[in-house]
Amino acid sequence: MSGSPLTVLFAPDSFKGSLTSVEVARSLADGWRRGRPADRTVLAPLADGGEGTLEAIAAAGGWEWRETLASNPIGRPIRARWLRSADGRRAVIELAEASGLSRLTPGERDPVGASTRGTGDLIRAALDTGCRELLIGIGGSATSDGGRGILAALGARIVDDRIELDGIDARLGETTLQVASDVTNPLLGSTGAAATYGPQKGATGDQVVELDVALGAWADALEGATGRLERDTPGAGAAGGVGFGLLCIGDRFRSFALRPGVELVMEATGFDAKLGEADLVVTGEGRIDEQTAFGKTALGVALRAARAGVPCIAVGGGVTPEGIAALADTGAIAVPVTEQPMTIEAAMTAGVGPLLRCGERLARLVGLNS
């Protein structure tokens, strides 16, 4: 890179449990300007469909925050946020807002009984205000109900495992739905929703088996009612089977797509236009490891940057050899934020200071090539 001022695009995900993507992008950019004050810094905070999706999209501008009374995963009334576009046609909904694990204390977790009905409440509220283009991020759920609660909120009649869809909201036929997810698991089995994600929602070994059996019965009923065989579709196991439930009613919408979350958030935030003006991209997430290779934000950014011929640096609160290798295949370089050995807990409570200093170090390293 030449010694002339650069345009540097900061496009990280959140550092989950610590800082939002907006805070991460701002901190890295502030640190960068300490080392290279003449450079132009552009912020494009991202998300993969989980918690932080609303903040990342809102930061791009053109959205207004809305609040709706909804049910949390165990049926308690809450106020849940979502986004409505300035023109009133589009909405962004984050499943974690109403149906997320973060809505419950550890003692409240109910992996067998938790419901996604609150997310259905938000979808209905968006329809009520006239929105007909919906983007739903489905990461971070506390549930394993196969989307049963969402369908019930939208008018499906479910008694035991008998399903009647005649009463489902007719407005879905006027609506475009894009579902953002960062996983490709099927609904059932050893890599399915219950086995893979049930334990982190509080499920014991016996409950994982119980959930898989229940999801199998739900799949038999819903596939029978809709005529759509979706249990093995990649992403059907996302959010405790929400992917499956929505896939099964996909033909009720004007159009429907289940896509990698980072791609949808990039589109919603105008990422490609910003990338087109950049000389360098700095991305990152809380941990760059073996999971990075499976569609995480850092990899998505690195791939887009490589296709555009723009160099890319990825910073991580933790960086492993597997994560380094996953990004190296794209030409991106992974750099740890941490400055000394520390526990995960200490790193998560360190605030923005390490990111500021990391941004400054990166700027000065780039300056050595001037």
Protein backbone atom coordinates (compact mmCIF):
# COMPACT_ATOMS: atom_id res chain seq x y z
CA MET A 1 0.00 0.00 0.00
CA SER A 2 1.22 3.50 -0.78
CA GLY A 3 1.90 6.20 1.75
CA SER A 4 -1.13 8.19 0.55
CA PRO A 5 -4.26 8.23 2.74
CA LEU A 6 -6.32 5.03 2.64
CA THR A 7 -10.01 4.31 2.89
CA VAL A 8 -10.37 1.61 5.52
CA LEU A 9 -13.65 -0.26 5.94
CA PHE A 10 -14.38 -1.66 9.43
CA ALA A 11 -16.88 -4.51 9.13
CA PRO A 12 -16.83 -6.71 12.25
CA ASP A 13 -19.44 -8.85 13.94
CA SER A 14 -20.14 -8.39 17.64
CA PHE A 15 -17.88 -9.83 20.29
CA LYS A 16 -20.74 -11.85 21.75
CA GLY A 17 -21.35 -11.33 25.44
CA SER A 18 -19.08 -8.31 25.44
CA LEU A 19 -19.48 -5.65 22.74
CA THR A 20 -21.90 -5.01 19.87
CA SER A 21 -20.62 -4.88 16.31
CA VAL A 22 -21.24 -1.13 16.34
CA GLU A 23 -18.98 -0.75 19.40
CA VAL A 24 -16.32 -3.02 17.91
CA ALA A 25 -16.26 -1.16 14.58
CA ARG A 26 -16.15 2.24 16.27
CA SER A 27 -13.35 1.22 18.65
CA LEU A 28 -11.16 -0.29 15.95
CA ALA A 29 -11.65 2.80 13.77
CA ASP A 30 -10.87 5.17 16.65
CA GLY A 31 -7.67 3.26 17.34
CA TRP A 32 -6.75 3.25 13.67
CA ARG A 33 -7.01 7.03 13.47
CA ARG A 34 -4.51 7.32 16.31
CA GLY A 35 -1.96 5.57 14.13
CA ARG A 36 -2.96 7.02 10.73
CA PRO A 37 -5.04 10.16 11.27
CA ALA A 38 -5.11 11.06 7.58
CA ASP A 39 -6.95 7.89 6.56
CA ARG A 40 -10.68 7.80 5.89
CA THR A 41 -12.49 5.28 8.07
CA VAL A 42 -15.88 3.83 7.10
CA LEU A 43 -17.99 1.77 9.49
CA ALA A 44 -20.08 -1.21 8.38
CA PRO A 45 -20.91 -3.24 11.51
CA LEU A 46 -22.32 -6.66 10.64
CA ALA A 47 -24.06 -9.69 12.14
CA ASP A 48 -24.85 -13.26 11.13
CA GLY A 49 -28.56 -13.33 11.97
CA GLY A 50 -28.15 -13.72 15.73
CA GLU A 51 -28.09 -11.16 18.50
CA GLY A 52 -26.81 -7.82 17.26
CA THR A 53 -28.51 -8.05 13.86
CA LEU A 54 -30.90 -5.20 14.66
CA GLU A 55 -28.10 -2.88 15.84
CA ALA A 56 -25.94 -3.64 12.80
CA ILE A 57 -28.73 -2.92 10.32
CA ALA A 58 -30.00 0.15 12.21
CA ALA A 59 -26.50 1.64 12.10
CA ALA A 60 -26.68 1.77 8.30
CA GLY A 61 -29.51 4.32 8.52
CA GLY A 62 -33.02 4.51 7.11
CA TRP A 63 -34.68 2.55 9.91
CA GLU A 64 -36.83 3.38 12.91
CA TRP A 65 -37.02 1.37 16.12
CA ARG A 66 -40.36 -0.14 17.07
CA GLU A 67 -41.49 -2.00 20.22
CA THR A 68 -44.21 -4.62 20.52
CA LEU A 69 -45.72 -6.46 23.46
CA ALA A 70 -44.75 -10.11 23.00
CA SER A 71 -44.21 -13.32 24.96
CA ASN A 72 -40.76 -14.39 26.07
CA PRO A 73 -39.78 -18.09 25.68
CA ILE A 74 -41.61 -19.11 28.86
CA GLY A 75 -44.71 -16.98 28.22
CA ARG A 76 -43.89 -13.88 30.25
CA PRO A 77 -45.04 -10.57 28.64
CA ILE A 78 -42.12 -8.41 27.46
CA ARG A 79 -41.49 -5.42 25.21
CA ALA A 80 -39.48 -6.60 22.20
CA ARG A 81 -37.79 -4.35 19.64
CA TRP A 82 -37.75 -4.60 15.85
CA LEU A 83 -36.95 -2.31 12.93
CA ARG A 84 -39.26 -0.70 10.39
CA SER A 85 -37.91 1.04 7.32
CA ALA A 86 -38.53 4.75 6.86
CA ASP A 87 -40.82 4.00 3.90
CA GLY A 88 -42.84 1.55 5.98
CA ARG A 89 -42.48 -1.39 3.58
CA ARG A 90 -39.74 -3.42 5.26
CA ALA A 91 -39.12 -4.86 8.70
CA VAL A 92 -36.22 -6.57 10.42
CA ILE A 93 -36.99 -8.97 13.26
CA GLU A 94 -34.48 -10.68 15.51
CA LEU A 95 -35.75 -13.92 17.02
CA ALA A 96 -33.48 -13.43 20.03
CA GLU A 97 -35.41 -10.27 20.99
CA ALA A 98 -38.47 -12.25 22.02
CA SER A 99 -37.43 -15.90 21.95
CA GLY A 100 -33.75 -15.68 22.80
CA LEU A 101 -31.72 -17.44 25.46
CA SER A 102 -30.65 -14.03 26.72
CA ARG A 103 -34.27 -13.40 27.75
CA LEU A 104 -33.97 -16.03 30.50
CA THR A 105 -31.83 -16.49 33.55
CA PRO A 106 -30.06 -19.87 33.77
CA GLY A 107 -32.66 -20.99 36.29
CA GLU A 108 -35.53 -20.11 33.93
CA ARG A 109 -34.31 -22.13 30.96
CA ASP A 110 -36.91 -24.63 29.78
CA PRO A 111 -35.51 -26.44 26.74
CA VAL A 112 -38.58 -28.68 26.40
CA GLY A 113 -41.32 -26.12 27.01
CA ALA A 114 -39.82 -22.91 25.58
CA SER A 115 -41.84 -21.41 22.73
CA THR A 116 -41.19 -19.15 19.75
CA ARG A 117 -44.66 -17.61 19.97
CA GLY A 118 -43.18 -14.20 20.83
CA THR A 119 -41.35 -14.09 17.52
CA GLY A 120 -44.66 -14.80 15.81
CA ASP A 121 -46.10 -11.84 17.73
CA LEU A 122 -43.43 -9.62 16.18
CA ILE A 123 -44.09 -10.91 12.66
CA ARG A 124 -47.79 -10.19 13.09
CA ALA A 125 -47.04 -6.70 14.42
CA ALA A 126 -44.89 -5.95 11.37
CA LEU A 127 -47.68 -7.11 9.08
CA ASP A 128 -50.16 -4.95 11.01
CA THR A 129 -48.11 -1.83 10.25
CA GLY A 130 -48.06 -2.59 6.53
CA CYS A 131 -44.63 -4.18 6.18
CA ARG A 132 -44.51 -6.74 3.39
CA GLU A 133 -40.76 -7.35 3.10
CA LEU A 134 -39.47 -9.14 6.18
CA LEU A 135 -35.97 -10.15 7.19
CA ILE A 136 -35.78 -12.40 10.24
CA GLY A 137 -32.54 -13.32 11.96
CA ILE A 138 -33.02 -16.60 13.84
CA GLY A 139 -29.84 -17.02 15.89
CA GLY A 140 -29.62 -17.16 19.68
CA SER A 141 -32.88 -19.01 20.41
CA ALA A 142 -33.85 -20.52 23.76
CA THR A 143 -36.27 -22.86 22.01
CA SER A 144 -36.53 -26.25 20.34
CA ASP A 145 -40.18 -26.15 19.25
CA GLY A 146 -39.65 -26.50 15.50
CA GLY A 147 -41.26 -23.11 14.89
CA ARG A 148 -44.53 -24.32 16.41
CA GLY A 149 -45.03 -21.12 18.40
CA ILE A 150 -44.49 -18.90 15.37
CA LEU A 151 -47.01 -20.85 13.30
CA ALA A 152 -49.57 -20.70 16.11
CA ALA A 153 -49.15 -16.93 16.40
CA LEU A 154 -49.71 -16.64 12.64
CA GLY A 155 -53.01 -18.48 12.82
CA ALA A 156 -52.21 -22.16 12.48
CA ARG A 157 -54.46 -24.37 14.64
CA ILE A 158 -52.39 -26.99 16.43
CA VAL A 159 -54.00 -29.58 18.68
CA ASP A 160 -51.57 -32.25 19.86
CA ASP A 161 -49.87 -33.03 16.56
CA ARG A 162 -52.86 -32.26 14.33
CA ILE A 163 -52.27 -29.14 12.30
CA GLU A 164 -54.79 -27.05 10.40
CA LEU A 165 -53.37 -24.25 8.27
CA ASP A 166 -56.62 -22.84 6.84
CA GLY A 167 -56.55 -19.99 9.36
CA ILE A 168 -52.97 -18.93 8.73
CA ASP A 169 -52.59 -15.20 8.09
CA ALA A 170 -53.57 -14.49 4.47
CA ARG A 171 -51.22 -11.49 4.40
CA LEU A 172 -48.28 -13.90 4.10
CA GLY A 173 -49.25 -14.27 0.44
CA GLU A 174 -48.35 -10.60 -0.07
CA THR A 175 -45.11 -10.88 1.88
CA THR A 176 -41.49 -11.57 1.03
CA LEU A 177 -39.64 -13.39 3.81
CA GLN A 178 -35.88 -13.79 4.03
CA VAL A 179 -34.58 -15.85 6.94
CA ALA A 180 -31.01 -15.22 8.09
CA SER A 181 -29.19 -18.14 9.70
CA ASP A 182 -25.56 -19.14 10.17
CA VAL A 183 -26.09 -22.90 10.54
CA THR A 184 -26.77 -25.74 8.08
CA ASN A 185 -27.92 -28.49 10.46
CA PRO A 186 -30.86 -30.74 9.55
CA LEU A 187 -33.79 -30.96 11.93
CA LEU A 188 -33.17 -34.39 13.44
CA GLY A 189 -30.46 -36.85 14.42
CA SER A 190 -26.91 -36.59 15.68
CA THR A 191 -26.31 -33.24 13.95
CA GLY A 192 -29.86 -31.97 14.37
CA ALA A 193 -31.40 -29.18 16.40
CA ALA A 194 -31.73 -31.04 19.70
CA ALA A 195 -28.41 -32.88 19.70
CA THR A 196 -26.33 -29.93 18.55
CA TYR A 197 -27.93 -27.00 20.32
CA GLY A 198 -30.17 -28.45 23.03
CA PRO A 199 -27.42 -28.65 25.69
CA GLN A 200 -26.58 -24.96 25.42
CA LYS A 201 -30.26 -24.23 26.04
CA GLY A 202 -30.18 -26.26 29.24
CA ALA A 203 -31.21 -29.70 27.96
CA THR A 204 -29.95 -32.79 29.78
CA GLY A 205 -29.00 -35.92 27.87
CA ASP A 206 -32.44 -37.41 28.44
CA GLN A 207 -34.11 -34.18 27.34
CA VAL A 208 -32.07 -34.12 24.12
CA VAL A 209 -33.52 -37.53 23.28
CA GLU A 210 -37.02 -36.35 24.26
CA LEU A 211 -36.69 -33.24 22.10
CA ASP A 212 -35.48 -35.18 19.07
CA VAL A 213 -38.46 -37.55 19.36
CA ALA A 214 -40.86 -34.61 19.74
CA LEU A 215 -39.35 -32.82 16.75
CA GLY A 216 -39.68 -36.00 14.72
CA ALA A 217 -43.38 -36.22 15.53
CA TRP A 218 -43.79 -32.51 14.72
CA ALA A 219 -42.00 -33.06 11.40
CA ASP A 220 -44.32 -35.93 10.50
CA ALA A 221 -47.36 -33.77 11.24
CA LEU A 222 -46.21 -30.56 9.57
CA GLU A 223 -44.80 -32.23 6.49
CA GLY A 224 -48.08 -34.14 6.20
CA ALA A 225 -50.08 -30.93 6.49
CA THR A 226 -48.02 -28.95 3.99
CA GLY A 227 -46.76 -31.61 1.61
CA ARG A 228 -43.24 -30.21 1.94
CA LEU A 229 -40.44 -32.56 3.03
CA GLU A 230 -38.00 -30.19 4.69
CA ARG A 231 -36.53 -32.03 7.70
CA ASP A 232 -33.24 -32.74 5.91
CA THR A 233 -32.91 -29.35 4.22
CA PRO A 234 -29.71 -27.59 5.30
CA GLY A 235 -30.70 -25.05 7.95
CA ALA A 236 -33.87 -26.88 9.00
CA GLY A 237 -32.35 -27.33 12.46
CA ALA A 238 -31.59 -23.64 12.91
CA ALA A 239 -32.99 -22.02 16.07
CA GLY A 240 -34.35 -25.27 17.45
CA GLY A 241 -36.14 -26.10 14.23
CA VAL A 242 -37.50 -22.65 13.38
CA GLY A 243 -35.79 -23.09 10.02
CA PHE A 244 -37.86 -26.24 9.46
CA GLY A 245 -41.15 -24.66 10.48
CA LEU A 246 -40.69 -21.69 8.16
CA LEU A 247 -39.42 -23.84 5.29
CA CYS A 248 -42.59 -25.94 5.52
CA ILE A 249 -44.83 -22.90 5.06
CA GLY A 250 -42.50 -21.26 2.54
CA ASP A 251 -45.06 -21.47 -0.26
CA ARG A 252 -47.52 -19.45 1.83
CA PHE A 253 -45.33 -16.37 1.23
CA ARG A 254 -45.06 -14.37 -1.96
CA SER A 255 -41.42 -15.43 -1.89
CA PHE A 256 -39.27 -17.18 0.70
CA ALA A 257 -35.54 -17.79 1.19
CA LEU A 258 -33.38 -19.25 3.96
CA ARG A 259 -29.92 -17.78 3.47
CA PRO A 260 -26.61 -17.29 5.27
CA GLY A 261 -27.14 -14.51 7.77
CA VAL A 262 -24.03 -12.54 6.97
CA GLU A 263 -25.05 -12.30 3.30
CA LEU A 264 -28.46 -10.88 4.15
CA VAL A 265 -27.03 -8.38 6.63
CA MET A 266 -24.44 -7.29 4.07
CA GLU A 267 -27.22 -6.59 1.60
CA ALA A 268 -29.32 -4.73 4.16
CA THR A 269 -26.39 -2.50 5.14
CA GLY A 270 -25.08 -1.70 1.66
CA PHE A 271 -21.79 -3.49 2.32
CA ASP A 272 -20.77 -4.00 -1.31
CA ALA A 273 -20.99 -0.30 -2.15
CA LYS A 274 -18.76 0.51 0.82
CA LEU A 275 -16.35 -2.26 -0.15
CA GLY A 276 -16.09 -0.79 -3.62
CA GLU A 277 -14.53 2.37 -2.16
CA ALA A 278 -12.16 0.63 0.27
CA ASP A 279 -8.41 0.08 0.08
CA LEU A 280 -8.46 -2.25 3.09
CA VAL A 281 -11.09 -4.13 5.10
CA VAL A 282 -10.86 -4.89 8.81
CA THR A 283 -13.35 -7.48 10.02
CA GLY A 284 -13.51 -9.62 13.12
CA GLU A 285 -15.52 -11.44 15.76
CA GLY A 286 -15.18 -12.60 19.32
CA ARG A 287 -13.47 -15.82 18.35
CA ILE A 288 -11.80 -16.87 15.09
CA ASP A 289 -11.62 -20.66 15.26
CA GLU A 290 -12.75 -23.84 13.50
CA GLN A 291 -16.33 -22.50 13.39
CA THR A 292 -15.17 -19.58 11.25
CA ALA A 293 -15.00 -21.91 8.26
CA PHE A 294 -18.74 -22.59 8.49
CA GLY A 295 -20.13 -19.26 7.36
CA LYS A 296 -19.26 -16.91 10.20
CA THR A 297 -19.07 -13.17 9.57
CA ALA A 298 -15.28 -12.92 9.33
CA LEU A 299 -15.19 -15.51 6.56
CA GLY A 300 -18.06 -13.90 4.69
CA VAL A 301 -16.29 -10.55 4.70
CA ALA A 302 -12.96 -12.10 3.74
CA LEU A 303 -14.54 -13.87 0.75
CA ARG A 304 -16.24 -10.68 -0.48
CA ALA A 305 -13.00 -8.73 -0.04
CA ALA A 306 -11.02 -11.37 -1.96
CA ARG A 307 -13.46 -11.26 -4.88
CA ALA A 308 -13.15 -7.47 -4.94
CA GLY A 309 -9.35 -7.60 -4.75
CA VAL A 310 -9.27 -5.72 -1.43
CA PRO A 311 -6.84 -6.84 1.32
CA CYS A 312 -8.50 -8.04 4.51
CA ILE A 313 -7.44 -8.27 8.16
CA ALA A 314 -9.59 -10.14 10.69
CA VAL A 315 -9.24 -9.48 14.42
CA GLY A 316 -10.48 -11.85 17.08
CA GLY A 317 -10.79 -11.82 20.82
CA GLY A 318 -9.41 -15.34 20.50
CA VAL A 319 -7.62 -16.78 17.47
CA THR A 320 -6.80 -20.45 16.90
CA PRO A 321 -4.68 -22.15 14.22
CA GLU A 322 -7.85 -23.53 12.63
CA GLY A 323 -9.32 -20.05 12.38
CA ILE A 324 -6.11 -18.68 10.92
CA ALA A 325 -6.13 -21.43 8.29
CA ALA A 326 -9.79 -20.87 7.38
CA LEU A 327 -9.12 -17.21 6.62
CA ALA A 328 -5.73 -17.80 5.00
CA ASP A 329 -7.49 -19.66 2.20
CA THR A 330 -9.09 -16.33 1.23
CA GLY A 331 -5.87 -14.34 1.58
CA ALA A 332 -7.01 -12.68 4.81
CA ILE A 333 -4.78 -12.39 7.88
CA ALA A 334 -6.10 -13.18 11.38
CA VAL A 335 -4.77 -11.08 14.29
CA PRO A 336 -5.60 -11.53 18.00
CA VAL A 337 -6.85 -8.57 20.00
CA THR A 338 -5.44 -9.84 23.28
CA GLU A 339 -2.11 -8.42 24.41
CA GLN A 340 -1.30 -10.97 27.10
CA PRO A 341 -2.53 -14.36 28.33
CA MET A 342 -5.93 -14.01 30.00
CA THR A 343 -9.08 -15.96 30.71
CA ILE A 344 -12.11 -15.70 28.47
CA GLU A 345 -13.96 -13.99 31.32
CA ALA A 346 -11.23 -11.35 31.66
CA ALA A 347 -11.18 -10.73 27.91
CA MET A 348 -14.96 -10.29 27.84
CA THR A 349 -14.90 -7.71 30.59
CA ALA A 350 -11.91 -5.74 29.27
CA GLY A 351 -14.09 -3.22 27.42
CA VAL A 352 -13.00 -1.30 24.33
CA GLY A 353 -9.42 -0.58 25.43
CA PRO A 354 -7.85 -3.65 23.78
CA LEU A 355 -9.72 -2.94 20.53
CA LEU A 356 -8.53 0.68 20.49
CA ARG A 357 -4.94 -0.45 20.94
CA CYS A 358 -5.35 -3.20 18.36
CA GLY A 359 -6.66 -0.73 15.80
CA GLU A 360 -3.70 1.55 16.44
CA ARG A 361 -1.20 -1.32 16.12
CA LEU A 362 -2.71 -2.39 12.81
CA ALA A 363 -2.52 1.16 11.47
CA ARG A 364 1.11 1.50 12.44
CA LEU A 365 1.94 -1.86 10.84
CA VAL A 366 0.32 -0.72 7.61
CA GLY A 367 2.28 2.51 7.92
CA LEU A 368 5.57 0.57 7.92
CA ASN A 369 4.87 -0.35 4.32
CA SER A 370 4.53 3.30 3.30
